[in-house]
PDB file of N, CA and C in Angstrom:
ATOM      1  N   MET A   1    -193.206 105.553 194.742  1.00  0.00           N
ATOM      2  CA  MET A   1    -194.639 105.398 194.581  1.00  0.00           C
ATOM      3  C   MET A   1    -195.020 104.018 195.104  1.00  0.00           C
ATOM      4  N   THR A   2    -196.011 103.978 195.946  1.00  0.00           N
ATOM      5  CA  THR A   2    -196.463 102.714 196.511  1.00  0.00           C
ATOM      6  C   THR A   2    -197.313 101.954 195.494  1.00  0.00           C
ATOM      7  N   THR A   3    -197.527 100.697 195.770  1.00  0.00           N
ATOM      8  CA  THR A   3    -198.354  99.879 194.885  1.00  0.00           C
ATOM      9  C   THR A   3    -199.772 100.426 194.808  1.00  0.00           C
ATOM     10  N   THR A   4    -200.292 100.854 195.937  1.00  0.00           N
ATOM     11  CA  THR A   4    -201.644 101.404 195.966  1.00  0.00           C
ATOM     12  C   THR A   4    -201.729 102.685 195.149  1.00  0.00           C
ATOM     13  N   ALA A   5    -200.759 103.554 195.305  1.00  0.00           N
ATOM     14  CA  ALA A   5    -200.752 104.802 194.547  1.00  0.00           C
ATOM     15  C   ALA A   5    -200.630 104.523 193.050  1.00  0.00           C
ATOM     16  N   LEU A   6    -199.813 103.552 192.699  1.00  0.00           N
ATOM     17  CA  LEU A   6    -199.665 103.181 191.295  1.00  0.00           C
ATOM     18  C   LEU A   6    -200.967 102.631 190.736  1.00  0.00           C
ATOM     19  N   GLN A   7    -201.644 101.803 191.521  1.00  0.00           N
ATOM     20  CA  GLN A   7    -202.926 101.246 191.091  1.00  0.00           C
ATOM     21  C   GLN A   7    -203.959 102.352 190.885  1.00  0.00           C
ATOM     22  N   ILE A   8    -203.984 103.327 191.770  1.00  0.00           N
ATOM     23  CA  ILE A   8    -204.920 104.452 191.639  1.00  0.00           C
ATOM     24  C   ILE A   8    -204.625 105.237 190.363  1.00  0.00           C
ATOM     25  N   GLU A   9    -203.328 105.478 190.085  1.00  0.00           N
ATOM     26  CA  GLU A   9    -202.956 106.207 188.875  1.00  0.00           C
ATOM     27  C   GLU A   9    -203.360 105.439 187.621  1.00  0.00           C
ATOM     28  N   ILE A  10    -203.131 104.144 187.624  1.00  0.00           N
ATOM     29  CA  ILE A  10    -203.501 103.337 186.456  1.00  0.00           C
ATOM     30  C   ILE A  10    -205.008 103.333 186.266  1.00  0.00           C
ATOM     31  N   ASN A  11    -205.754 103.193 187.355  1.00  0.00           N
ATOM     32  CA  ASN A  11    -207.216 103.173 187.263  1.00  0.00           C
ATOM     33  C   ASN A  11    -207.791 104.509 186.792  1.00  0.00           C
ATOM     34  N   SER A  12    -207.065 105.593 187.004  1.00  0.00           N
ATOM     35  CA  SER A  12    -207.564 106.906 186.578  1.00  0.00           C
ATOM     36  C   SER A  12    -207.336 107.171 185.086  1.00  0.00           C
ATOM     37  N   LEU A  13    -206.572 106.302 184.429  1.00  0.00           N
ATOM     38  CA  LEU A  13    -206.296 106.481 183.003  1.00  0.00           C
ATOM     39  C   LEU A  13    -207.474 106.016 182.149  1.00  0.00           C
ATOM     40  N   PRO A  14    -207.598 106.574 180.963  1.00  0.00           N
ATOM     41  CA  PRO A  14    -208.599 106.060 180.014  1.00  0.00           C
ATOM     42  C   PRO A  14    -208.244 104.621 179.619  1.00  0.00           C
ATOM     43  N   ILE A  15    -209.222 103.873 179.171  1.00  0.00           N
ATOM     44  CA  ILE A  15    -209.043 102.450 178.872  1.00  0.00           C
ATOM     45  C   ILE A  15    -207.936 102.195 177.854  1.00  0.00           C
ATOM     46  N   ASN A  16    -207.798 103.053 176.846  1.00  0.00           N
ATOM     47  CA  ASN A  16    -206.761 102.833 175.838  1.00  0.00           C
ATOM     48  C   ASN A  16    -205.357 102.992 176.437  1.00  0.00           C
ATOM     49  N   LEU A  17    -205.208 103.919 177.389  1.00  0.00           N
ATOM     50  CA  LEU A  17    -203.901 104.099 178.028  1.00  0.00           C
ATOM     51  C   LEU A  17    -203.618 102.968 179.025  1.00  0.00           C
ATOM     52  N   ARG A  18    -204.666 102.449 179.657  1.00  0.00           N
ATOM     53  CA  ARG A  18    -204.484 101.287 180.541  1.00  0.00           C
ATOM     54  C   ARG A  18    -203.960 100.100 179.739  1.00  0.00           C
ATOM     55  N   GLN A  19    -204.457  99.959 178.515  1.00  0.00           N
ATOM     56  CA  GLN A  19    -203.977  98.864 177.663  1.00  0.00           C
ATOM     57  C   GLN A  19    -202.505  99.062 177.320  1.00  0.00           C
ATOM     58  N   GLU A  20    -202.096 100.307 177.104  1.00  0.00           N
ATOM     59  CA  GLU A  20    -200.678 100.584 176.849  1.00  0.00           C
ATOM     60  C   GLU A  20    -199.823 100.238 178.058  1.00  0.00           C
ATOM     61  N   VAL A  21    -200.327 100.534 179.252  1.00  0.00           N
ATOM     62  CA  VAL A  21    -199.602 100.174 180.481  1.00  0.00           C
ATOM     63  C   VAL A  21    -199.472  98.659 180.577  1.00  0.00           C
ATOM     64  N   ALA A  22    -200.560  97.943 180.282  1.00  0.00           N
ATOM     65  CA  ALA A  22    -200.529  96.475 180.326  1.00  0.00           C
ATOM     66  C   ALA A  22    -199.529  95.933 179.301  1.00  0.00           C
ATOM     67  N   ASP A  23    -199.508  96.511 178.107  1.00  0.00           N
ATOM     68  CA  ASP A  23    -198.547  96.090 177.086  1.00  0.00           C
ATOM     69  C   ASP A  23    -197.113  96.340 177.536  1.00  0.00           C
ATOM     70  N   PHE A  24    -196.898  97.474 178.177  1.00  0.00           N
ATOM     71  CA  PHE A  24    -195.556  97.802 178.662  1.00  0.00           C
ATOM     72  C   PHE A  24    -195.113  96.826 179.754  1.00  0.00           C
ATOM     73  N   VAL A  25    -196.039  96.456 180.625  1.00  0.00           N
ATOM     74  CA  VAL A  25    -195.717  95.488 181.674  1.00  0.00           C
ATOM     75  C   VAL A  25    -195.317  94.149 181.042  1.00  0.00           C
ATOM     76  N   GLU A  26    -196.047  93.707 180.036  1.00  0.00           N
ATOM     77  CA  GLU A  26    -195.701  92.468 179.339  1.00  0.00           C
ATOM     78  C   GLU A  26    -194.331  92.580 178.683  1.00  0.00           C
ATOM     79  N   PHE A  27    -194.036  93.726 178.096  1.00  0.00           N
ATOM     80  CA  PHE A  27    -192.725  93.959 177.495  1.00  0.00           C
ATOM     81  C   PHE A  27    -191.623  93.838 178.545  1.00  0.00           C
ATOM     82  N   LEU A  28    -191.830  94.440 179.713  1.00  0.00           N
ATOM     83  CA  LEU A  28    -190.827  94.369 180.771  1.00  0.00           C
ATOM     84  C   LEU A  28    -190.611  92.935 181.242  1.00  0.00           C
ATOM     85  N   LYS A  29    -191.682  92.159 181.318  1.00  0.00           N
ATOM     86  CA  LYS A  29    -191.550  90.751 181.725  1.00  0.00           C
ATOM     87  C   LYS A  29    -190.720  89.966 180.722  1.00  0.00           C
ATOM     88  N   THR A  30    -190.991  90.144 179.436  1.00  0.00           N
ATOM     89  CA  THR A  30    -190.230  89.404 178.426  1.00  0.00           C
ATOM     90  C   THR A  30    -188.788  89.873 178.379  1.00  0.00           C
ATOM     91  N   LYS A  31    -188.554  91.147 178.612  1.00  0.00           N
ATOM     92  CA  LYS A  31    -187.189  91.681 178.645  1.00  0.00           C
ATOM     93  C   LYS A  31    -186.401  91.020 179.771  1.00  0.00           C
ATOM     94  N   LYS A  32    -187.034  90.819 180.909  1.00  0.00           N
ATOM     95  CA  LYS A  32    -186.375  90.172 182.050  1.00  0.00           C
ATOM     96  C   LYS A  32    -186.048  88.723 181.727  1.00  0.00           C
ATOM     97  N   VAL A  33    -186.958  88.013 181.078  1.00  0.00           N
ATOM     98  CA  VAL A  33    -186.733  86.614 180.733  1.00  0.00           C
ATOM     99  C   VAL A  33    -185.573  86.482 179.768  1.00  0.00           C
ATOM    100  N   ILE A  34    -185.496  87.362 178.798  1.00  0.00           N
ATOM    101  CA  ILE A  34    -184.415  87.311 177.810  1.00  0.00           C
ATOM    102  C   ILE A  34    -183.064  87.535 178.492  1.00  0.00           C
ATOM    103  N   ASN A  35    -182.992  88.451 179.443  1.00  0.00           N
ATOM    104  CA  ASN A  35    -181.735  88.760 180.123  1.00  0.00           C
ATOM    105  C   ASN A  35    -181.313  87.664 181.086  1.00  0.00           C
ATOM    106  N   SER A  36    -182.247  86.841 181.553  1.00  0.00           N
ATOM    107  CA  SER A  36    -181.905  85.842 182.553  1.00  0.00           C
ATOM    108  C   SER A  36    -181.633  84.466 181.965  1.00  0.00           C
ATOM    109  N   LYS A  37    -181.560  84.346 180.635  1.00  0.00           N
ATOM    110  CA  LYS A  37    -181.257  83.058 180.021  1.00  0.00           C
ATOM    111  C   LYS A  37    -179.840  82.640 180.379  1.00  0.00           C
ATOM    112  N   LEU A  38    -179.649  81.320 180.454  1.00  0.00           N
ATOM    113  CA  LEU A  38    -178.334  80.780 180.789  1.00  0.00           C
ATOM    114  C   LEU A  38    -177.358  80.958 179.631  1.00  0.00           C
ATOM    115  N   LYS A  39    -176.108  81.098 179.979  1.00  0.00           N
ATOM    116  CA  LYS A  39    -175.075  81.146 178.961  1.00  0.00           C
ATOM    117  C   LYS A  39    -174.935  79.753 178.346  1.00  0.00           C
ATOM    118  N   LYS A  40    -174.396  79.699 177.155  1.00  0.00           N
ATOM    119  CA  LYS A  40    -174.142  78.419 176.517  1.00  0.00           C
ATOM    120  C   LYS A  40    -173.079  77.687 177.330  1.00  0.00           C
ATOM    121  N   ARG A  41    -173.366  76.438 177.660  1.00  0.00           N
ATOM    122  CA  ARG A  41    -172.439  75.666 178.484  1.00  0.00           C
ATOM    123  C   ARG A  41    -171.377  75.018 177.615  1.00  0.00           C
ATOM    124  N   GLU A  42    -170.205  74.950 178.164  1.00  0.00           N
ATOM    125  CA  GLU A  42    -169.103  74.322 177.468  1.00  0.00           C
ATOM    126  C   GLU A  42    -168.796  72.986 178.116  1.00  0.00           C
ATOM    127  N   PHE A  43    -168.353  72.019 177.322  1.00  0.00           N
ATOM    128  CA  PHE A  43    -168.003  70.710 177.835  1.00  0.00           C
ATOM    129  C   PHE A  43    -166.905  70.852 178.887  1.00  0.00           C
ATOM    130  N   GLY A  44    -167.119  70.232 180.032  1.00  0.00           N
ATOM    131  CA  GLY A  44    -166.120  70.241 181.096  1.00  0.00           C
ATOM    132  C   GLY A  44    -166.142  71.464 181.985  1.00  0.00           C
ATOM    133  N   TYR A  45    -167.193  72.286 181.906  1.00  0.00           N
ATOM    134  CA  TYR A  45    -167.208  73.529 182.695  1.00  0.00           C
ATOM    135  C   TYR A  45    -167.268  73.272 184.198  1.00  0.00           C
ATOM    136  N   ALA A  46    -167.733  72.087 184.620  1.00  0.00           N
ATOM    137  CA  ALA A  46    -167.837  71.794 186.047  1.00  0.00           C
ATOM    138  C   ALA A  46    -166.721  70.870 186.528  1.00  0.00           C
ATOM    139  N   LYS A  47    -165.736  70.634 185.692  1.00  0.00           N
ATOM    140  CA  LYS A  47    -164.649  69.735 186.053  1.00  0.00           C
ATOM    141  C   LYS A  47    -163.962  70.230 187.333  1.00  0.00           C
ATOM    142  N   GLY A  48    -163.828  69.321 188.274  1.00  0.00           N
ATOM    143  CA  GLY A  48    -163.185  69.647 189.539  1.00  0.00           C
ATOM    144  C   GLY A  48    -164.124  70.238 190.581  1.00  0.00           C
ATOM    145  N   LYS A  49    -165.371  70.491 190.223  1.00  0.00           N
ATOM    146  CA  LYS A  49    -166.325  71.075 191.168  1.00  0.00           C
ATOM    147  C   LYS A  49    -167.165  70.016 191.868  1.00  0.00           C
ATOM    148  N   ILE A  50    -167.205  68.805 191.308  1.00  0.00           N
ATOM    149  CA  ILE A  50    -168.002  67.719 191.877  1.00  0.00           C
ATOM    150  C   ILE A  50    -167.077  66.566 192.199  1.00  0.00           C
ATOM    151  N   GLU A  51    -167.232  66.035 193.396  1.00  0.00           N
ATOM    152  CA  GLU A  51    -166.385  64.926 193.807  1.00  0.00           C
ATOM    153  C   GLU A  51    -167.271  63.823 194.373  1.00  0.00           C
ATOM    154  N   LEU A  52    -167.093  62.602 193.872  1.00  0.00           N
ATOM    155  CA  LEU A  52    -167.857  61.456 194.362  1.00  0.00           C
ATOM    156  C   LEU A  52    -167.042  60.729 195.422  1.00  0.00           C
ATOM    157  N   ALA A  53    -167.755  60.124 196.367  1.00  0.00           N
ATOM    158  CA  ALA A  53    -167.087  59.328 197.383  1.00  0.00           C
ATOM    159  C   ALA A  53    -166.478  58.096 196.732  1.00  0.00           C
ATOM    160  N   LYS A  54    -165.424  57.565 197.310  1.00  0.00           N
ATOM    161  CA  LYS A  54    -164.748  56.392 196.747  1.00  0.00           C
ATOM    162  C   LYS A  54    -165.711  55.200 196.661  1.00  0.00           C
ATOM    163  N   ASP A  55    -166.640  55.094 197.612  1.00  0.00           N
ATOM    164  CA  ASP A  55    -167.557  53.954 197.655  1.00  0.00           C
ATOM    165  C   ASP A  55    -168.968  54.322 197.178  1.00  0.00           C
ATOM    166  N   PHE A  56    -169.075  55.252 196.255  1.00  0.00           N
ATOM    167  CA  PHE A  56    -170.389  55.737 195.840  1.00  0.00           C
ATOM    168  C   PHE A  56    -171.247  54.641 195.212  1.00  0.00           C
ATOM    169  N   ASP A  57    -170.629  53.625 194.617  1.00  0.00           N
ATOM    170  CA  ASP A  57    -171.408  52.565 193.979  1.00  0.00           C
ATOM    171  C   ASP A  57    -171.541  51.309 194.844  1.00  0.00           C
ATOM    172  N   LYS A  58    -171.093  51.371 196.079  1.00  0.00           N
ATOM    173  CA  LYS A  58    -171.216  50.252 197.011  1.00  0.00           C
ATOM    174  C   LYS A  58    -172.691  50.126 197.401  1.00  0.00           C
ATOM    175  N   PRO A  59    -173.235  48.897 197.418  1.00  0.00           N
ATOM    176  CA  PRO A  59    -174.640  48.726 197.811  1.00  0.00           C
ATOM    177  C   PRO A  59    -174.898  49.251 199.226  1.00  0.00           C
ATOM    178  N   LEU A  60    -176.036  49.872 199.413  1.00  0.00           N
ATOM    179  CA  LEU A  60    -176.395  50.397 200.725  1.00  0.00           C
ATOM    180  C   LEU A  60    -176.901  49.271 201.619  1.00  0.00           C
ATOM    181  N   ASP A  61    -176.611  49.383 202.911  1.00  0.00           N
ATOM    182  CA  ASP A  61    -177.023  48.348 203.871  1.00  0.00           C
ATOM    183  C   ASP A  61    -178.542  48.180 203.907  1.00  0.00           C
ATOM    184  N   MET A  62    -179.278  49.247 203.730  1.00  0.00           N
ATOM    185  CA  MET A  62    -180.735  49.167 203.812  1.00  0.00           C
ATOM    186  C   MET A  62    -181.357  48.350 202.678  1.00  0.00           C
ATOM    187  N   PHE A  63    -180.586  48.072 201.615  1.00  0.00           N
ATOM    188  CA  PHE A  63    -181.099  47.289 200.488  1.00  0.00           C
ATOM    189  C   PHE A  63    -180.532  45.879 200.431  1.00  0.00           C
ATOM    190  N   LYS A  64    -179.771  45.464 201.464  1.00  0.00           N
ATOM    191  CA  LYS A  64    -179.130  44.159 201.391  1.00  0.00           C
ATOM    192  C   LYS A  64    -180.126  42.998 201.358  1.00  0.00           C
ATOM    193  N   ASP A  65    -181.367  43.198 201.859  1.00  0.00           N
ATOM    194  CA  ASP A  65    -182.394  42.154 201.785  1.00  0.00           C
ATOM    195  C   ASP A  65    -182.844  41.914 200.352  1.00  0.00           C
ATOM    196  N   TYR A  66    -182.663  42.866 199.494  1.00  0.00           N
ATOM    197  CA  TYR A  66    -183.122  42.785 198.110  1.00  0.00           C
ATOM    198  C   TYR A  66    -182.042  42.344 197.131  1.00  0.00           C
ATOM    199  N   ILE A  67    -180.825  42.277 197.609  1.00  0.00           N
ATOM    200  CA  ILE A  67    -179.712  41.923 196.709  1.00  0.00           C
ATOM    201  C   ILE A  67    -179.412  40.439 196.805  1.00  0.00           C
TER     202      ILE A  67
END
């Protein structure tokens, strides 16, 4: 069913049934949000996935006038 066809079907419903459709749409949105929540993170879960350069804290040349 296309979006246009769906809109026509919804518009042909009585107002009380349109409200039920709107309520159902809101329910589906909240259901999606609940399912997409992040898992609880554990300490150290990213260990070994991030690596810093050996000189990461060395002052940058572009800031040497300010140091």
